[in-house]
Amino acid sequence: MKSLLIVADDLSGAADCAIAFAAAGRKTVVSLDAAAPDAHAIVIAADTDTRRLAPADAAKRTADAWQALRAPGRRLYKKIDSTLRGNWTAEVAALTRLAGPAIVTPAFPATGRTVRDARVFVRGVPLEDTETWQLEHAGQHAGLRDMLGAVGLRVAHVSLDAFRTAPQDVAAMVASAAATGNGIDAIVVDAETTDDLASLARVTASVDAPFFWVGSGGLARELAALPDLFDAHASTQAPRAIDPAQGPILALVGSLSAISERQCAMLRAEAGVAEMIVPPAVLRDGARHPAWQTWSARIGDSVRGKEDAIVRIGRDDAFDPAEGALLSNALAALVAPHFDALGGLIATGGETARAMLAAANVGSLELVREIEAGVALGRPSNGKGPSVVTKAGAFGSEHALLGAYLHLRGADIPVAR
């Protein structure tokens, strides 16, 4: 294998899936434009920005990304959300027609996500019972076999006991499916520990047949840990140092999850960072709202005055999860005129991160290191602009934003995990 393409449906997911490869010394780039990646990258993580699209549109854009970026010796990893948000089943179905059968496990034990009986659990709680699922999918089932079957895929399931007894059987299954079309489009594999994922990575990495992986950052990091995943001539590089931020640090929070709220509270309490909560009504109306200029000036006064700040989206009775992109784009528009004054940016929520980078004309990030599981540090590939930390909204410990802030400041202060 010469290189790897990761196709993700949002920016923070692309980064948290790809960061382990950067930590292993492979040049790794997250791109906002699937048609314009870094030609020298060993690992390309393309954000297709499809989470909010109609399923058919998401499937087409995902397939187009693979068609545009496939190359001899390049394998495919379809990054999906570990809590199954977005159009992932339609996207996987589209890719099976181009890239072969899929090995599917969204487990990410480091962040509490596991798979048993082809169902996702979040810190031991069935996904259907979590706040994350209820926010957007109340009343819907979250079984992996049923979800994949609903888009027409023929699905096999490998239970945890069966996998631990004979992990090599998964490699034989996918090789047979790829070679003979034996009636299997996707193989769902249970996994509860990093050892399970490491074993799955080992037995599938050497399969010499067309197939692709489907997972979260959990399986990706175990693939990255394999010493012989890439060809011997694939270059490695020492982790690059990033100087401590000299200008103000802005935490831009588009996620409305309870986890994000607790992370903001910790950053306020421990680092004394001031917080500005922008009313959704202002963001819905954008520049037409009478308070728009006031909010722009308030954010500008803080940034230009070299004051660290949290800027986040508020919540009101009119909240609709489907308006996430609209609110994120408006939030980014408020900050964009002041982006050049930032010393560091922490973006929580994939839509928010993408909106901010797009508004600031940052087309790609070269990843540098992982601060904690799911929290990635990078910098603009062209070398211009602040260091950037991305984090999925519902991810991370309560100290995640504080840890990112301290890391950007170069502070050697222990942070509880």
Protein backbone atom coordinates (compact mmCIF):
# COMPACT_ATOMS: atom_id res chain seq x y z
CA MET A 1 0.00 0.00 0.00
CA LYS A 2 1.44 3.36 -1.06
CA SER A 3 -1.10 5.77 0.38
CA LEU A 4 -4.47 6.06 2.06
CA LEU A 5 -7.53 8.14 1.31
CA ILE A 6 -9.89 8.87 4.17
CA VAL A 7 -13.30 10.12 3.06
CA ALA A 8 -15.22 11.82 5.87
CA ASP A 9 -18.52 13.66 6.00
CA ASP A 10 -17.33 16.49 8.21
CA LEU A 11 -14.07 18.27 8.99
CA SER A 12 -13.53 17.38 12.63
CA GLY A 13 -14.19 13.73 11.78
CA ALA A 14 -11.65 13.85 8.98
CA ALA A 15 -9.06 15.27 11.37
CA ASP A 16 -9.65 12.95 14.32
CA CYS A 17 -9.54 9.94 11.98
CA ALA A 18 -6.33 11.04 10.24
CA ILE A 19 -4.35 12.41 13.18
CA ALA A 20 -2.91 9.04 14.19
CA PHE A 21 -1.15 8.76 10.84
CA ALA A 22 0.48 12.15 11.38
CA ALA A 23 1.60 11.00 14.83
CA ALA A 24 3.17 7.95 13.15
CA GLY A 25 5.28 10.25 10.99
CA ARG A 26 3.28 10.14 7.75
CA LYS A 27 2.56 13.43 6.04
CA THR A 28 -1.15 13.83 6.58
CA VAL A 29 -3.40 16.52 5.17
CA VAL A 30 -7.06 17.31 5.76
CA SER A 31 -8.58 18.91 2.69
CA LEU A 32 -11.79 20.92 2.31
CA ASP A 33 -11.68 20.34 -1.43
CA ALA A 34 -11.59 16.73 -2.62
CA ALA A 35 -10.30 17.85 -6.01
CA ALA A 36 -7.22 19.66 -4.71
CA PRO A 37 -5.23 17.55 -2.21
CA ASP A 38 -1.55 17.80 -1.36
CA ALA A 39 0.27 15.67 -3.91
CA HIS A 40 3.04 14.84 -1.41
CA ALA A 41 0.76 13.57 1.37
CA ILE A 42 0.85 9.88 2.25
CA VAL A 43 -2.56 10.18 3.92
CA ILE A 44 -5.27 12.44 2.55
CA ALA A 45 -8.42 13.03 4.58
CA ALA A 46 -11.05 14.58 2.32
CA ASP A 47 -14.03 16.30 3.92
CA THR A 48 -17.00 15.87 1.57
CA ASP A 49 -19.26 17.95 3.85
CA THR A 50 -22.18 15.60 3.25
CA ARG A 51 -23.65 15.14 6.71
CA ARG A 52 -26.60 17.45 6.07
CA LEU A 53 -27.23 16.56 2.43
CA ALA A 54 -30.02 14.37 1.11
CA PRO A 55 -28.85 10.73 1.10
CA ALA A 56 -28.68 10.47 -2.70
CA ASP A 57 -26.63 13.67 -2.95
CA ALA A 58 -24.31 12.53 -0.16
CA ALA A 59 -23.80 9.18 -1.88
CA LYS A 60 -22.92 10.82 -5.19
CA ARG A 61 -20.48 13.30 -3.67
CA THR A 62 -18.77 10.53 -1.71
CA ALA A 63 -18.45 8.32 -4.76
CA ASP A 64 -17.15 11.26 -6.78
CA ALA A 65 -14.47 11.92 -4.15
CA TRP A 66 -13.18 8.35 -4.43
CA GLN A 67 -13.28 8.49 -8.22
CA ALA A 68 -11.36 11.77 -8.24
CA LEU A 69 -8.70 10.71 -5.73
CA ARG A 70 -8.24 6.99 -6.31
CA ALA A 71 -4.73 6.07 -7.44
CA PRO A 72 -2.60 2.94 -7.87
CA GLY A 73 -1.70 1.56 -4.46
CA ARG A 74 -4.12 3.86 -2.62
CA ARG A 75 -6.54 2.22 -0.17
CA LEU A 76 -9.82 3.65 1.07
CA TYR A 77 -11.09 4.31 4.58
CA LYS A 78 -14.65 5.63 4.87
CA LYS A 79 -14.78 7.57 8.09
CA ILE A 80 -18.17 7.53 9.77
CA ASP A 81 -19.43 9.12 12.95
CA SER A 82 -19.12 6.75 15.91
CA THR A 83 -22.68 7.66 16.89
CA LEU A 84 -23.95 7.04 13.35
CA ARG A 85 -24.96 10.58 12.43
CA GLY A 86 -25.26 11.59 8.80
CA ASN A 87 -25.79 9.66 5.57
CA TRP A 88 -23.19 7.02 6.20
CA THR A 89 -25.23 4.03 4.97
CA ALA A 90 -25.99 5.65 1.60
CA GLU A 91 -22.33 6.63 1.27
CA VAL A 92 -21.09 3.14 2.09
CA ALA A 93 -23.55 1.63 -0.38
CA ALA A 94 -22.25 3.91 -3.13
CA LEU A 95 -18.65 2.99 -2.37
CA THR A 96 -19.27 -0.76 -2.39
CA ARG A 97 -20.13 -0.46 -6.07
CA LEU A 98 -16.72 1.09 -6.74
CA ALA A 99 -14.28 -0.14 -4.12
CA GLY A 100 -15.48 -3.61 -3.18
CA PRO A 101 -16.96 -4.96 0.06
CA ALA A 102 -16.77 -3.03 3.32
CA ILE A 103 -15.49 -4.01 6.76
CA VAL A 104 -17.61 -2.03 9.21
CA THR A 105 -16.99 -1.18 12.85
CA PRO A 106 -17.56 2.33 14.27
CA ALA A 107 -16.08 1.35 17.64
CA PHE A 108 -13.79 3.89 19.32
CA PRO A 109 -13.07 2.52 22.80
CA ALA A 110 -10.85 5.48 23.76
CA THR A 111 -13.96 7.67 23.62
CA GLY A 112 -16.36 5.12 25.09
CA ARG A 113 -17.86 3.84 21.82
CA THR A 114 -18.09 0.05 21.45
CA VAL A 115 -19.90 -2.40 19.19
CA ARG A 116 -21.56 -5.60 20.42
CA ASP A 117 -24.25 -7.65 18.70
CA ALA A 118 -23.90 -5.25 15.74
CA ARG A 119 -25.14 -2.37 17.91
CA VAL A 120 -23.29 0.72 19.11
CA PHE A 121 -22.94 1.49 22.81
CA VAL A 122 -21.75 4.81 24.26
CA ARG A 123 -20.05 4.25 27.61
CA GLY A 124 -22.20 1.17 28.07
CA VAL A 125 -25.47 2.84 27.09
CA PRO A 126 -27.26 1.73 23.91
CA LEU A 127 -26.89 4.44 21.29
CA GLU A 128 -30.67 4.80 20.92
CA ASP A 129 -30.88 5.91 24.57
CA THR A 130 -28.25 8.66 24.37
CA GLU A 131 -28.75 12.41 24.10
CA THR A 132 -26.78 12.46 20.86
CA TRP A 133 -29.14 10.02 19.13
CA GLN A 134 -32.34 11.47 20.59
CA LEU A 135 -31.39 14.96 19.42
CA GLU A 136 -31.66 14.00 15.74
CA HIS A 137 -33.02 10.44 15.49
CA ALA A 138 -35.65 10.04 18.21
CA GLY A 139 -37.73 6.93 17.58
CA GLN A 140 -35.34 5.44 15.03
CA HIS A 141 -33.38 2.21 15.48
CA ALA A 142 -29.58 2.15 15.42
CA GLY A 143 -28.76 -1.48 14.62
CA LEU A 144 -25.88 -1.63 12.14
CA ARG A 145 -27.22 -4.64 10.22
CA ASP A 146 -30.69 -3.11 9.87
CA MET A 147 -29.33 0.28 8.82
CA LEU A 148 -27.06 -1.19 6.15
CA GLY A 149 -29.74 -3.60 4.99
CA ALA A 150 -32.18 -0.72 4.57
CA VAL A 151 -30.02 0.68 1.72
CA GLY A 152 -29.92 -2.66 -0.06
CA LEU A 153 -26.62 -4.05 1.19
CA ARG A 154 -26.15 -7.74 1.95
CA VAL A 155 -24.67 -7.83 5.43
CA ALA A 156 -22.74 -10.42 7.43
CA HIS A 157 -22.04 -10.06 11.15
CA VAL A 158 -19.05 -11.34 13.11
CA SER A 159 -19.83 -11.51 16.82
CA LEU A 160 -17.29 -10.54 19.43
CA ASP A 161 -16.77 -14.13 20.59
CA ALA A 162 -16.37 -15.39 17.04
CA PHE A 163 -13.92 -12.66 16.16
CA ARG A 164 -11.78 -13.17 19.23
CA THR A 165 -11.71 -16.92 18.59
CA ALA A 166 -10.68 -16.66 14.93
CA PRO A 167 -9.92 -13.09 13.81
CA GLN A 168 -8.33 -14.36 10.59
CA ASP A 169 -11.78 -15.51 9.44
CA VAL A 170 -12.70 -11.86 8.76
CA ALA A 171 -9.81 -11.57 6.31
CA ALA A 172 -10.94 -14.75 4.58
CA MET A 173 -14.53 -13.47 4.41
CA VAL A 174 -13.64 -10.15 2.83
CA ALA A 175 -11.17 -11.73 0.41
CA SER A 176 -13.83 -14.20 -0.69
CA ALA A 177 -16.45 -11.47 -1.04
CA ALA A 178 -14.08 -9.36 -3.13
CA ALA A 179 -12.97 -12.22 -5.35
CA THR A 180 -16.21 -14.09 -5.94
CA GLY A 181 -19.07 -11.73 -5.09
CA ASN A 182 -20.40 -14.31 -2.64
CA GLY A 183 -23.42 -12.34 -1.61
CA ILE A 184 -21.74 -10.13 1.03
CA ASP A 185 -21.42 -6.36 0.59
CA ALA A 186 -20.55 -5.43 4.17
CA ILE A 187 -19.13 -7.29 7.15
CA VAL A 188 -20.01 -5.81 10.56
CA VAL A 189 -17.42 -6.75 13.18
CA ASP A 190 -18.00 -6.36 16.91
CA ALA A 191 -15.24 -4.64 18.93
CA GLU A 192 -15.10 -3.52 22.55
CA THR A 193 -11.41 -2.83 23.17
CA THR A 194 -8.44 -1.34 21.39
CA ASP A 195 -7.00 -4.87 21.26
CA ASP A 196 -10.03 -5.96 19.24
CA LEU A 197 -9.47 -3.13 16.77
CA ALA A 198 -5.73 -3.78 16.65
CA SER A 199 -6.41 -7.41 15.79
CA LEU A 200 -8.88 -6.40 13.07
CA ALA A 201 -6.35 -3.97 11.62
CA ARG A 202 -3.64 -6.63 11.52
CA VAL A 203 -5.69 -9.33 9.83
CA THR A 204 -7.21 -7.06 7.19
CA ALA A 205 -4.29 -4.80 6.28
CA SER A 206 -2.60 -7.55 4.28
CA VAL A 207 -5.70 -8.62 2.31
CA ASP A 208 -4.71 -8.36 -1.33
CA ALA A 209 -8.15 -7.78 -2.80
CA PRO A 210 -10.38 -4.75 -3.36
CA PHE A 211 -12.20 -3.76 -0.17
CA PHE A 212 -12.41 -0.77 2.13
CA TRP A 213 -12.65 -0.03 5.81
CA VAL A 214 -15.62 1.75 7.39
CA GLY A 215 -15.07 3.09 10.88
CA SER A 216 -14.38 5.99 13.19
CA GLY A 217 -11.05 7.18 14.52
CA GLY A 218 -10.76 3.97 16.55
CA LEU A 219 -9.90 1.51 13.78
CA ALA A 220 -7.93 4.19 11.93
CA ARG A 221 -5.48 4.64 14.80
CA GLU A 222 -4.85 0.91 14.96
CA LEU A 223 -4.10 0.85 11.24
CA ALA A 224 -1.74 3.78 11.73
CA ALA A 225 0.11 1.82 14.42
CA LEU A 226 0.98 -1.01 12.03
CA PRO A 227 4.69 -0.66 11.17
CA ASP A 228 4.34 -2.15 7.69
CA LEU A 229 1.02 -0.67 6.58
CA PHE A 230 2.66 1.42 3.87
CA ASP A 231 5.33 0.42 1.38
CA ALA A 232 8.90 0.61 2.65
CA HIS A 233 9.66 3.63 0.46
CA ALA A 234 6.79 5.70 1.88
CA SER A 235 8.51 8.54 3.67
CA THR A 236 8.19 9.36 7.33
CA GLN A 237 8.88 12.62 9.09
CA ALA A 238 9.52 13.66 12.65
CA PRO A 239 6.58 15.41 14.33
CA ARG A 240 6.83 19.11 13.61
CA ALA A 241 6.97 21.59 16.43
CA ILE A 242 4.41 24.37 16.69
CA ASP A 243 5.47 27.47 18.55
CA PRO A 244 3.25 28.63 21.43
CA ALA A 245 0.50 30.97 20.29
CA GLN A 246 1.54 34.61 20.57
CA GLY A 247 -1.82 36.15 19.75
CA PRO A 248 -5.25 35.56 21.29
CA ILE A 249 -6.82 32.12 21.28
CA LEU A 250 -10.42 31.80 20.19
CA ALA A 251 -12.56 28.76 21.03
CA LEU A 252 -15.33 28.66 18.45
CA VAL A 253 -18.10 26.32 19.60
CA GLY A 254 -20.91 25.39 17.26
CA SER A 255 -21.95 22.21 19.06
CA LEU A 256 -24.92 22.42 21.41
CA SER A 257 -24.18 19.14 23.18
CA ALA A 258 -24.05 18.96 26.95
CA ILE A 259 -20.45 17.75 26.66
CA SER A 260 -19.46 20.96 24.87
CA GLU A 261 -21.18 23.05 27.53
CA ARG A 262 -19.19 21.32 30.27
CA GLN A 263 -15.97 21.78 28.32
CA CYS A 264 -16.68 25.51 27.96
CA ALA A 265 -17.40 25.76 31.69
CA MET A 266 -14.04 24.13 32.48
CA LEU A 267 -12.18 26.52 30.16
CA ARG A 268 -13.89 29.50 31.78
CA ALA A 269 -13.24 28.30 35.31
CA GLU A 270 -9.64 27.09 34.96
CA ALA A 271 -8.20 29.55 32.44
CA GLY A 272 -10.42 32.57 33.03
CA VAL A 273 -11.43 32.75 29.38
CA ALA A 274 -14.39 35.04 28.78
CA GLU A 275 -17.40 33.70 26.92
CA MET A 276 -19.71 35.26 24.35
CA ILE A 277 -22.92 33.40 23.49
CA VAL A 278 -24.36 34.62 20.19
CA PRO A 279 -28.19 34.40 20.04
CA PRO A 280 -29.42 32.09 17.28
CA ALA A 281 -31.77 34.82 16.04
CA VAL A 282 -28.76 36.98 15.15
CA LEU A 283 -27.16 34.13 13.23
CA ARG A 284 -30.36 33.18 11.40
CA ASP A 285 -30.79 36.71 10.06
CA GLY A 286 -27.09 37.35 9.50
CA ALA A 287 -26.09 40.85 8.45
CA ARG A 288 -29.78 41.83 8.25
CA HIS A 289 -30.15 41.54 12.01
CA PRO A 290 -29.93 44.90 13.83
CA ALA A 291 -27.49 43.42 16.38
CA TRP A 292 -25.14 41.87 13.78
CA GLN A 293 -22.64 44.73 13.70
CA THR A 294 -22.69 44.94 17.48
CA TRP A 295 -21.71 41.30 17.79
CA SER A 296 -19.05 41.64 15.10
CA ALA A 297 -17.56 44.62 16.92
CA ARG A 298 -17.67 42.84 20.27
CA ILE A 299 -15.77 39.84 18.90
CA GLY A 300 -13.35 42.14 17.10
CA ASP A 301 -12.69 44.20 20.22
CA SER A 302 -11.79 41.03 22.13
CA VAL A 303 -9.54 39.57 19.42
CA ARG A 304 -7.86 42.84 18.47
CA GLY A 305 -7.39 43.55 22.16
CA LYS A 306 -5.47 40.24 22.40
CA GLU A 307 -8.03 38.74 24.78
CA ASP A 308 -8.73 35.02 24.67
CA ALA A 309 -12.40 34.20 24.22
CA ILE A 310 -15.04 31.52 23.79
CA VAL A 311 -17.60 32.35 21.12
CA ARG A 312 -20.47 29.92 20.87
CA ILE A 313 -23.92 29.50 19.48
CA GLY A 314 -26.79 29.95 21.91
CA ARG A 315 -29.98 27.94 21.94
CA ASP A 316 -33.63 29.00 21.83
CA ASP A 317 -37.08 27.49 21.46
CA ALA A 318 -36.84 27.64 17.67
CA PHE A 319 -33.77 25.38 17.57
CA ASP A 320 -33.72 22.83 14.73
CA PRO A 321 -30.75 20.45 14.29
CA ALA A 322 -31.07 20.89 10.51
CA GLU A 323 -30.01 24.55 10.76
CA GLY A 324 -26.57 23.67 12.06
CA ALA A 325 -24.77 24.60 8.84
CA LEU A 326 -26.63 27.91 8.59
CA LEU A 327 -25.74 28.91 12.14
CA SER A 328 -22.13 27.75 11.77
CA ASN A 329 -21.63 29.71 8.55
CA ALA A 330 -23.04 32.83 10.16
CA LEU A 331 -20.84 32.39 13.23
CA ALA A 332 -17.80 32.03 10.98
CA ALA A 333 -18.80 35.17 9.09
CA LEU A 334 -18.78 37.12 12.36
CA VAL A 335 -15.26 35.94 13.17
CA ALA A 336 -13.70 35.96 9.67
CA PRO A 337 -12.78 39.69 9.59
CA HIS A 338 -10.66 39.12 12.71
CA PHE A 339 -9.12 35.75 11.81
CA ASP A 340 -5.77 37.28 10.89
CA ALA A 341 -5.30 38.52 14.46
CA LEU A 342 -5.65 35.07 16.05
CA GLY A 343 -2.75 33.19 17.56
CA GLY A 344 -4.75 29.99 17.81
CA LEU A 345 -8.18 28.64 16.95
CA ILE A 346 -10.07 25.83 18.66
CA ALA A 347 -13.09 24.78 16.60
CA THR A 348 -15.68 22.48 18.14
CA GLY A 349 -18.08 20.81 15.74
CA GLY A 350 -17.22 19.73 12.19
CA GLU A 351 -19.60 22.17 10.52
CA THR A 352 -18.18 25.01 12.59
CA ALA A 353 -14.57 24.10 11.80
CA ARG A 354 -15.25 23.84 8.07
CA ALA A 355 -17.25 27.07 7.98
CA MET A 356 -14.48 28.97 9.77
CA LEU A 357 -11.65 27.67 7.60
CA ALA A 358 -13.63 28.24 4.42
CA ALA A 359 -14.49 31.80 5.46
CA ALA A 360 -10.79 32.41 6.18
CA ASN A 361 -9.72 30.88 2.82
CA VAL A 362 -7.84 28.01 4.47
CA GLY A 363 -8.21 25.12 2.03
CA SER A 364 -6.34 22.42 3.94
CA LEU A 365 -4.59 21.63 7.20
CA GLU A 366 -1.42 19.65 7.70
CA LEU A 367 -1.97 17.65 10.87
CA VAL A 368 0.69 17.66 13.57
CA ARG A 369 -0.38 15.80 16.69
CA GLU A 370 -3.27 14.59 18.82
CA ILE A 371 -3.89 16.42 22.09
CA GLU A 372 -6.32 13.83 23.40
CA ALA A 373 -8.46 11.21 21.68
CA GLY A 374 -10.47 12.95 18.97
CA VAL A 375 -8.75 16.34 19.44
CA ALA A 376 -6.38 17.13 16.56
CA LEU A 377 -3.83 19.93 16.17
CA GLY A 378 -2.84 21.20 12.74
CA ARG A 379 -1.81 24.25 10.82
CA PRO A 380 -2.73 25.70 7.44
CA SER A 381 -0.87 23.79 4.72
CA ASN A 382 0.35 27.03 3.17
CA GLY A 383 1.96 28.04 6.49
CA LYS A 384 -0.18 31.14 6.84
CA GLY A 385 -2.54 31.62 9.75
CA PRO A 386 -2.96 30.40 13.32
CA SER A 387 -2.56 26.88 14.63
CA VAL A 388 -5.91 25.10 14.54
CA VAL A 389 -7.39 22.52 16.91
CA THR A 390 -10.49 20.62 15.78
CA LYS A 391 -12.80 18.53 17.94
CA ALA A 392 -16.13 16.86 17.28
CA GLY A 393 -18.85 18.47 19.37
CA ALA A 394 -19.87 15.45 21.43
CA PHE A 395 -16.29 14.17 21.90
CA GLY A 396 -13.67 14.56 24.54
CA SER A 397 -13.28 14.77 28.29
CA GLU A 398 -14.50 17.76 30.28
CA HIS A 399 -10.91 19.04 30.03
CA ALA A 400 -10.72 18.82 26.24
CA LEU A 401 -11.00 22.55 25.49
CA LEU A 402 -8.78 23.44 28.43
CA GLY A 403 -6.18 20.91 27.30
CA ALA A 404 -6.27 22.32 23.76
CA TYR A 405 -5.92 25.86 25.10
CA LEU A 406 -2.96 24.97 27.31
CA HIS A 407 -1.32 23.10 24.46
CA LEU A 408 -1.61 26.10 22.16
CA ARG A 409 -0.12 28.29 24.88
CA GLY A 410 2.77 25.86 25.35
CA ALA A 411 1.86 25.48 29.02
CA ASP A 412 3.22 22.37 30.70
CA ILE A 413 0.30 22.02 33.07
CA PRO A 414 -1.13 18.56 33.91
CA VAL A 415 -4.69 18.12 32.74
CA ALA A 416 -6.85 15.38 34.19
CA ARG A 417 -8.18 12.83 31.74
